[in-house]
Full PDB file with SEQRES, HELIX, SHEET, SSBOND, CRYST1, ORIGX, SCALE, CONECT and MASTER records, all heavy atoms in Angstrom:
SEQRES   1 A   30  GLU MET PHE ALA GLN ALA ALA GLN ASN GLU GLN ALA ARG          
SEQRES   2 A   30  VAL ASP GLN MET THR LEU ALA GLY GLU PRO VAL ALA ILE          
SEQRES   3 A   30  LYS LEU TRP LEU                                              
HELIX    1 AA1 MET A    2  GLN A    8  1                                   7    
SHEET    1 AA1 2 ARG A  13  LEU A  19  0                                        
SHEET    2 AA1 2 GLU A  22  TRP A  29 -1                                        
CRYST1    1.000    1.000    1.000  90.00  90.00  90.00 P 1           1          
ORIGX1      1.000000  0.000000  0.000000        0.00000                         
ORIGX2      0.000000  1.000000  0.000000        0.00000                         
ORIGX3      0.000000  0.000000  1.000000        0.00000                         
SCALE1      1.000000  0.000000  0.000000        0.00000                         
SCALE2      0.000000  1.000000  0.000000        0.00000                         
SCALE3      0.000000  0.000000  1.000000        0.00000                         
ATOM      1  N   GLU A   1     103.891  52.459 114.703  1.00  0.00           N  
ATOM      2  CA  GLU A   1     103.662  51.156 114.078  1.00  0.00           C  
ATOM      3  C   GLU A   1     104.090  51.169 112.614  1.00  0.00           C  
ATOM      4  O   GLU A   1     104.803  50.269 112.156  1.00  0.00           O  
ATOM      5  CB  GLU A   1     102.185  50.781 114.180  1.00  0.00           C  
ATOM      6  CG  GLU A   1     101.869  49.448 113.495  1.00  0.00           C  
ATOM      7  CD  GLU A   1     100.407  49.065 113.581  1.00  0.00           C  
ATOM      8  OE1 GLU A   1      99.747  49.434 114.582  1.00  0.00           O  
ATOM      9  OE2 GLU A   1      99.903  48.377 112.668  1.00  0.00           O  
ATOM     10  N   MET A   2     103.672  52.186 111.879  1.00  0.00           N  
ATOM     11  CA  MET A   2     104.004  52.270 110.466  1.00  0.00           C  
ATOM     12  C   MET A   2     105.504  52.369 110.239  1.00  0.00           C  
ATOM     13  O   MET A   2     106.092  51.669 109.420  1.00  0.00           O  
ATOM     14  CB  MET A   2     103.285  53.476 109.848  1.00  0.00           C  
ATOM     15  CG  MET A   2     103.551  53.715 108.367  1.00  0.00           C  
ATOM     16  SD  MET A   2     105.071  54.666 108.030  1.00  0.00           S  
ATOM     17  CE  MET A   2     104.629  56.257 108.744  1.00  0.00           C  
ATOM     18  N   PHE A   3     106.142  53.251 111.012  1.00  0.00           N  
ATOM     19  CA  PHE A   3     107.578  53.477 110.805  1.00  0.00           C  
ATOM     20  C   PHE A   3     108.400  52.260 111.219  1.00  0.00           C  
ATOM     21  O   PHE A   3     109.411  51.936 110.582  1.00  0.00           O  
ATOM     22  CB  PHE A   3     108.016  54.717 111.587  1.00  0.00           C  
ATOM     23  CG  PHE A   3     109.213  55.395 110.995  1.00  0.00           C  
ATOM     24  CD1 PHE A   3     109.097  56.242 109.894  1.00  0.00           C  
ATOM     25  CD2 PHE A   3     110.471  55.210 111.557  1.00  0.00           C  
ATOM     26  CE1 PHE A   3     110.188  56.868 109.343  1.00  0.00           C  
ATOM     27  CE2 PHE A   3     111.584  55.852 111.004  1.00  0.00           C  
ATOM     28  CZ  PHE A   3     111.447  56.674 109.912  1.00  0.00           C  
ATOM     29  N   ALA A   4     107.958  51.569 112.256  1.00  0.00           N  
ATOM     30  CA  ALA A   4     108.669  50.370 112.684  1.00  0.00           C  
ATOM     31  C   ALA A   4     108.621  49.293 111.617  1.00  0.00           C  
ATOM     32  O   ALA A   4     109.627  48.622 111.338  1.00  0.00           O  
ATOM     33  CB  ALA A   4     108.082  49.848 113.992  1.00  0.00           C  
ATOM     34  N   GLN A   5     107.445  49.131 110.990  1.00  0.00           N  
ATOM     35  CA  GLN A   5     107.319  48.116 109.929  1.00  0.00           C  
ATOM     36  C   GLN A   5     108.148  48.518 108.719  1.00  0.00           C  
ATOM     37  O   GLN A   5     108.831  47.687 108.124  1.00  0.00           O  
ATOM     38  CB  GLN A   5     105.858  47.965 109.531  1.00  0.00           C  
ATOM     39  CG  GLN A   5     105.601  46.870 108.510  1.00  0.00           C  
ATOM     40  CD  GLN A   5     106.022  45.501 109.024  1.00  0.00           C  
ATOM     41  OE1 GLN A   5     105.534  45.038 110.056  1.00  0.00           O  
ATOM     42  NE2 GLN A   5     106.926  44.837 108.326  1.00  0.00           N  
ATOM     43  N   ALA A   6     108.121  49.799 108.371  1.00  0.00           N  
ATOM     44  CA  ALA A   6     108.908  50.265 107.232  1.00  0.00           C  
ATOM     45  C   ALA A   6     110.402  50.088 107.523  1.00  0.00           C  
ATOM     46  O   ALA A   6     111.182  49.675 106.636  1.00  0.00           O  
ATOM     47  CB  ALA A   6     108.593  51.731 106.934  1.00  0.00           C  
ATOM     48  N   ALA A   7     110.823  50.385 108.744  1.00  0.00           N  
ATOM     49  CA  ALA A   7     112.234  50.222 109.095  1.00  0.00           C  
ATOM     50  C   ALA A   7     112.655  48.763 109.036  1.00  0.00           C  
ATOM     51  O   ALA A   7     113.754  48.440 108.562  1.00  0.00           O  
ATOM     52  CB  ALA A   7     112.493  50.792 110.488  1.00  0.00           C  
ATOM     53  N   GLN A   8     111.790  47.897 109.498  1.00  0.00           N  
ATOM     54  CA  GLN A   8     112.091  46.455 109.454  1.00  0.00           C  
ATOM     55  C   GLN A   8     112.265  45.992 108.009  1.00  0.00           C  
ATOM     56  O   GLN A   8     113.081  45.114 107.715  1.00  0.00           O  
ATOM     57  CB  GLN A   8     110.968  45.671 110.133  1.00  0.00           C  
ATOM     58  CG  GLN A   8     111.204  44.167 110.171  1.00  0.00           C  
ATOM     59  CD  GLN A   8     110.086  43.435 110.876  1.00  0.00           C  
ATOM     60  OE1 GLN A   8     109.364  43.993 111.711  1.00  0.00           O  
ATOM     61  NE2 GLN A   8     109.904  42.163 110.566  1.00  0.00           N  
ATOM     62  N   ASN A   9     111.514  46.603 107.100  1.00  0.00           N  
ATOM     63  CA  ASN A   9     111.588  46.252 105.670  1.00  0.00           C  
ATOM     64  C   ASN A   9     112.688  47.032 104.941  1.00  0.00           C  
ATOM     65  O   ASN A   9     112.748  46.987 103.709  1.00  0.00           O  
ATOM     66  CB  ASN A   9     110.245  46.525 104.993  1.00  0.00           C  
ATOM     67  CG  ASN A   9     109.131  45.656 105.554  1.00  0.00           C  
ATOM     68  OD1 ASN A   9     109.375  44.599 106.123  1.00  0.00           O  
ATOM     69  ND2 ASN A   9     107.894  46.113 105.392  1.00  0.00           N  
ATOM     70  N   GLU A  10     113.503  47.772 105.694  1.00  0.00           N  
ATOM     71  CA  GLU A  10     114.562  48.609 105.124  1.00  0.00           C  
ATOM     72  C   GLU A  10     113.991  49.668 104.176  1.00  0.00           C  
ATOM     73  O   GLU A  10     114.577  50.015 103.153  1.00  0.00           O  
ATOM     74  CB  GLU A  10     115.608  47.763 104.393  1.00  0.00           C  
ATOM     75  CG  GLU A  10     116.320  46.763 105.304  1.00  0.00           C  
ATOM     76  CD  GLU A  10     117.387  45.960 104.595  1.00  0.00           C  
ATOM     77  OE1 GLU A  10     117.388  45.946 103.335  1.00  0.00           O  
ATOM     78  OE2 GLU A  10     118.215  45.348 105.272  1.00  0.00           O  
ATOM     79  N   GLN A  11     112.813  50.190 104.559  1.00  0.00           N  
ATOM     80  CA  GLN A  11     112.152  51.208 103.763  1.00  0.00           C  
ATOM     81  C   GLN A  11     111.915  52.484 104.563  1.00  0.00           C  
ATOM     82  O   GLN A  11     110.983  53.249 104.280  1.00  0.00           O  
ATOM     83  CB  GLN A  11     110.815  50.668 103.228  1.00  0.00           C  
ATOM     84  CG  GLN A  11     110.940  49.459 102.308  1.00  0.00           C  
ATOM     85  CD  GLN A  11     111.699  49.782 101.034  1.00  0.00           C  
ATOM     86  OE1 GLN A  11     111.529  50.854 100.448  1.00  0.00           O  
ATOM     87  NE2 GLN A  11     112.548  48.871 100.591  1.00  0.00           N  
ATOM     88  N   ALA A  12     112.741  52.707 105.576  1.00  0.00           N  
ATOM     89  CA  ALA A  12     112.649  53.930 106.383  1.00  0.00           C  
ATOM     90  C   ALA A  12     114.067  54.376 106.750  1.00  0.00           C  
ATOM     91  O   ALA A  12     114.962  53.553 106.898  1.00  0.00           O  
ATOM     92  CB  ALA A  12     111.836  53.697 107.653  1.00  0.00           C  
ATOM     93  N   ARG A  13     114.240  55.671 106.882  1.00  0.00           N  
ATOM     94  CA  ARG A  13     115.544  56.236 107.235  1.00  0.00           C  
ATOM     95  C   ARG A  13     115.346  57.517 108.030  1.00  0.00           C  
ATOM     96  O   ARG A  13     114.369  58.240 107.814  1.00  0.00           O  
ATOM     97  CB  ARG A  13     116.321  56.536 105.941  1.00  0.00           C  
ATOM     98  CG  ARG A  13     117.804  56.839 106.142  1.00  0.00           C  
ATOM     99  CD  ARG A  13     118.479  57.148 104.827  1.00  0.00           C  
ATOM    100  NE  ARG A  13     118.423  58.552 104.475  1.00  0.00           N  
ATOM    101  CZ  ARG A  13     118.214  59.027 103.256  1.00  0.00           C  
ATOM    102  NH1 ARG A  13     118.014  58.178 102.252  1.00  0.00           N  
ATOM    103  NH2 ARG A  13     118.176  60.318 103.031  1.00  0.00           N  
ATOM    104  N   VAL A  14     116.248  57.785 108.940  1.00  0.00           N  
ATOM    105  CA  VAL A  14     116.209  59.015 109.718  1.00  0.00           C  
ATOM    106  C   VAL A  14     117.550  59.718 109.558  1.00  0.00           C  
ATOM    107  O   VAL A  14     118.608  59.144 109.877  1.00  0.00           O  
ATOM    108  CB  VAL A  14     115.944  58.757 111.201  1.00  0.00           C  
ATOM    109  CG1 VAL A  14     115.901  60.071 111.974  1.00  0.00           C  
ATOM    110  CG2 VAL A  14     114.623  58.018 111.391  1.00  0.00           C  
ATOM    111  N   ASP A  15     117.521  60.948 109.050  1.00  0.00           N  
ATOM    112  CA  ASP A  15     118.722  61.757 108.919  1.00  0.00           C  
ATOM    113  C   ASP A  15     118.710  62.823 110.006  1.00  0.00           C  
ATOM    114  O   ASP A  15     117.667  63.403 110.318  1.00  0.00           O  
ATOM    115  CB  ASP A  15     118.767  62.431 107.551  1.00  0.00           C  
ATOM    116  CG  ASP A  15     118.925  61.416 106.410  1.00  0.00           C  
ATOM    117  OD1 ASP A  15     119.199  60.242 106.694  1.00  0.00           O  
ATOM    118  OD2 ASP A  15     118.749  61.821 105.250  1.00  0.00           O  
ATOM    119  N   GLN A  16     119.883  63.081 110.589  1.00  0.00           N  
ATOM    120  CA  GLN A  16     119.965  64.033 111.692  1.00  0.00           C  
ATOM    121  C   GLN A  16     121.126  65.010 111.506  1.00  0.00           C  
ATOM    122  O   GLN A  16     122.167  64.653 110.957  1.00  0.00           O  
ATOM    123  CB  GLN A  16     120.147  63.300 113.018  1.00  0.00           C  
ATOM    124  CG  GLN A  16     119.018  62.353 113.380  1.00  0.00           C  
ATOM    125  CD  GLN A  16     119.086  61.880 114.808  1.00  0.00           C  
ATOM    126  OE1 GLN A  16     119.230  62.672 115.738  1.00  0.00           O  
ATOM    127  NE2 GLN A  16     118.992  60.574 115.007  1.00  0.00           N  
ATOM    128  N   MET A  17     120.894  66.213 111.994  1.00  0.00           N  
ATOM    129  CA  MET A  17     121.931  67.247 112.079  1.00  0.00           C  
ATOM    130  C   MET A  17     122.053  67.604 113.555  1.00  0.00           C  
ATOM    131  O   MET A  17     121.059  67.979 114.191  1.00  0.00           O  
ATOM    132  CB  MET A  17     121.499  68.477 111.255  1.00  0.00           C  
ATOM    133  CG  MET A  17     122.368  69.703 111.440  1.00  0.00           C  
ATOM    134  SD  MET A  17     121.645  71.090 110.494  1.00  0.00           S  
ATOM    135  CE  MET A  17     122.692  72.443 111.029  1.00  0.00           C  
ATOM    136  N   THR A  18     123.248  67.467 114.124  1.00  0.00           N  
ATOM    137  CA  THR A  18     123.435  67.746 115.537  1.00  0.00           C  
ATOM    138  C   THR A  18     124.542  68.772 115.735  1.00  0.00           C  
ATOM    139  O   THR A  18     125.474  68.882 114.923  1.00  0.00           O  
ATOM    140  CB  THR A  18     123.804  66.468 116.327  1.00  0.00           C  
ATOM    141  OG1 THR A  18     125.017  65.924 115.794  1.00  0.00           O  
ATOM    142  CG2 THR A  18     122.704  65.421 116.210  1.00  0.00           C  
ATOM    143  N   LEU A  19     124.439  69.520 116.812  1.00  0.00           N  
ATOM    144  CA  LEU A  19     125.446  70.490 117.195  1.00  0.00           C  
ATOM    145  C   LEU A  19     125.851  70.210 118.635  1.00  0.00           C  
ATOM    146  O   LEU A  19     125.008  70.225 119.536  1.00  0.00           O  
ATOM    147  CB  LEU A  19     124.903  71.924 117.065  1.00  0.00           C  
ATOM    148  CG  LEU A  19     125.879  73.040 117.433  1.00  0.00           C  
ATOM    149  CD1 LEU A  19     127.079  73.054 116.480  1.00  0.00           C  
ATOM    150  CD2 LEU A  19     125.172  74.409 117.391  1.00  0.00           C  
ATOM    151  N   ALA A  20     127.108  69.884 118.817  1.00  0.00           N  
ATOM    152  CA  ALA A  20     127.626  69.507 120.146  1.00  0.00           C  
ATOM    153  C   ALA A  20     126.800  68.363 120.729  1.00  0.00           C  
ATOM    154  O   ALA A  20     126.509  68.313 121.926  1.00  0.00           O  
ATOM    155  CB  ALA A  20     127.626  70.698 121.084  1.00  0.00           C  
ATOM    156  N   GLY A  21     126.399  67.451 119.849  1.00  0.00           N  
ATOM    157  CA  GLY A  21     125.670  66.262 120.282  1.00  0.00           C  
ATOM    158  C   GLY A  21     124.169  66.446 120.455  1.00  0.00           C  
ATOM    159  O   GLY A  21     123.446  65.474 120.708  1.00  0.00           O  
ATOM    160  N   GLU A  22     123.668  67.660 120.309  1.00  0.00           N  
ATOM    161  CA  GLU A  22     122.248  67.939 120.472  1.00  0.00           C  
ATOM    162  C   GLU A  22     121.579  68.086 119.111  1.00  0.00           C  
ATOM    163  O   GLU A  22     122.125  68.730 118.216  1.00  0.00           O  
ATOM    164  CB  GLU A  22     122.025  69.208 121.283  1.00  0.00           C  
ATOM    165  CG  GLU A  22     122.489  69.116 122.721  1.00  0.00           C  
ATOM    166  CD  GLU A  22     121.726  68.043 123.500  1.00  0.00           C  
ATOM    167  OE1 GLU A  22     120.487  67.954 123.318  1.00  0.00           O  
ATOM    168  OE2 GLU A  22     122.364  67.295 124.258  1.00  0.00           O  
ATOM    169  N   PRO A  23     120.355  67.481 118.925  1.00  0.00           N  
ATOM    170  CA  PRO A  23     119.682  67.556 117.615  1.00  0.00           C  
ATOM    171  C   PRO A  23     119.265  68.973 117.254  1.00  0.00           C  
ATOM    172  O   PRO A  23     118.691  69.693 118.074  1.00  0.00           O  
ATOM    173  CB  PRO A  23     118.474  66.647 117.794  1.00  0.00           C  
ATOM    174  CG  PRO A  23     118.235  66.589 119.263  1.00  0.00           C  
ATOM    175  CD  PRO A  23     119.593  66.705 119.905  1.00  0.00           C  
ATOM    176  N   VAL A  24     119.610  69.367 116.037  1.00  0.00           N  
ATOM    177  CA  VAL A  24     119.188  70.663 115.502  1.00  0.00           C  
ATOM    178  C   VAL A  24     118.109  70.486 114.455  1.00  0.00           C  
ATOM    179  O   VAL A  24     117.170  71.277 114.371  1.00  0.00           O  
ATOM    180  CB  VAL A  24     120.405  71.408 114.886  1.00  0.00           C  
ATOM    181  CG1 VAL A  24     119.964  72.710 114.255  1.00  0.00           C  
ATOM    182  CG2 VAL A  24     121.449  71.676 115.959  1.00  0.00           C  
ATOM    183  N   ALA A  25     118.207  69.416 113.656  1.00  0.00           N  
ATOM    184  CA  ALA A  25     117.189  69.116 112.650  1.00  0.00           C  
ATOM    185  C   ALA A  25     117.152  67.604 112.427  1.00  0.00           C  
ATOM    186  O   ALA A  25     118.202  66.942 112.473  1.00  0.00           O  
ATOM    187  CB  ALA A  25     117.477  69.838 111.340  1.00  0.00           C  
ATOM    188  N   ILE A  26     115.961  67.085 112.208  1.00  0.00           N  
ATOM    189  CA  ILE A  26     115.780  65.652 111.968  1.00  0.00           C  
ATOM    190  C   ILE A  26     114.768  65.477 110.848  1.00  0.00           C  
ATOM    191  O   ILE A  26     113.726  66.140 110.840  1.00  0.00           O  
ATOM    192  CB  ILE A  26     115.289  64.903 113.230  1.00  0.00           C  
ATOM    193  CG1 ILE A  26     116.272  65.099 114.380  1.00  0.00           C  
ATOM    194  CG2 ILE A  26     115.090  63.407 112.940  1.00  0.00           C  
ATOM    195  CD1 ILE A  26     115.816  64.458 115.690  1.00  0.00           C  
ATOM    196  N   LYS A  27     115.056  64.576 109.929  1.00  0.00           N  
ATOM    197  CA  LYS A  27     114.159  64.327 108.792  1.00  0.00           C  
ATOM    198  C   LYS A  27     113.830  62.835 108.720  1.00  0.00           C  
ATOM    199  O   LYS A  27     114.758  62.000 108.768  1.00  0.00           O  
ATOM    200  CB  LYS A  27     114.763  64.802 107.486  1.00  0.00           C  
ATOM    201  CG  LYS A  27     113.787  64.823 106.320  1.00  0.00           C  
ATOM    202  CD  LYS A  27     114.351  65.567 105.136  1.00  0.00           C  
ATOM    203  CE  LYS A  27     113.292  65.749 104.041  1.00  0.00           C  
ATOM    204  NZ  LYS A  27     112.200  66.635 104.468  1.00  0.00           N  
ATOM    205  N   LEU A  28     112.552  62.515 108.588  1.00  0.00           N  
ATOM    206  CA  LEU A  28     112.087  61.130 108.444  1.00  0.00           C  
ATOM    207  C   LEU A  28     111.842  60.849 106.978  1.00  0.00           C  
ATOM    208  O   LEU A  28     111.173  61.623 106.280  1.00  0.00           O  
ATOM    209  CB  LEU A  28     110.784  60.909 109.221  1.00  0.00           C  
ATOM    210  CG  LEU A  28     110.777  61.270 110.716  1.00  0.00           C  
ATOM    211  CD1 LEU A  28     109.421  60.945 111.319  1.00  0.00           C  
ATOM    212  CD2 LEU A  28     111.900  60.576 111.472  1.00  0.00           C  
ATOM    213  N   TRP A  29     112.358  59.714 106.517  1.00  0.00           N  
ATOM    214  CA  TRP A  29     112.199  59.309 105.131  1.00  0.00           C  
ATOM    215  C   TRP A  29     111.494  57.951 105.049  1.00  0.00           C  
ATOM    216  O   TRP A  29     111.715  57.078 105.883  1.00  0.00           O  
ATOM    217  CB  TRP A  29     113.562  59.162 104.440  1.00  0.00           C  
ATOM    218  CG  TRP A  29     114.311  60.424 104.254  1.00  0.00           C  
ATOM    219  CD1 TRP A  29     115.170  61.020 105.143  1.00  0.00           C  
ATOM    220  CD2 TRP A  29     114.283  61.294 103.107  1.00  0.00           C  
ATOM    221  NE1 TRP A  29     115.673  62.180 104.623  1.00  0.00           N  
ATOM    222  CE2 TRP A  29     115.148  62.378 103.379  1.00  0.00           C  
ATOM    223  CE3 TRP A  29     113.606  61.234 101.889  1.00  0.00           C  
ATOM    224  CZ2 TRP A  29     115.370  63.407 102.458  1.00  0.00           C  
ATOM    225  CZ3 TRP A  29     113.828  62.265 100.977  1.00  0.00           C  
ATOM    226  CH2 TRP A  29     114.696  63.319 101.265  1.00  0.00           C  
ATOM    227  N   LEU A  30     110.656  57.790 104.027  1.00  0.00           N  
ATOM    228  CA  LEU A  30     110.070  56.514 103.687  1.00  0.00           C  
ATOM    229  C   LEU A  30     110.470  56.167 102.270  1.00  0.00           C  
ATOM    230  O   LEU A  30     110.775  57.063 101.464  1.00  0.00           O  
ATOM    231  CB  LEU A  30     108.528  56.562 103.801  1.00  0.00           C  
ATOM    232  CG  LEU A  30     107.957  56.827 105.192  1.00  0.00           C  
ATOM    233  CD1 LEU A  30     106.460  57.042 105.116  1.00  0.00           C  
ATOM    234  CD2 LEU A  30     108.304  55.703 106.137  1.00  0.00           C  
TER     235      LEU A  30                                                      
MASTER        0    0    0    1    2    0    0    6  234    1    0    3          
END                                                                             
């Protein structure tokens, strides 16, 4: 709920690192 509201307000971001299309690391930002 919190992240959806923040994302709607353009106040959330998700950064990802993938290897051969598979996630290796993911970071959530507010």
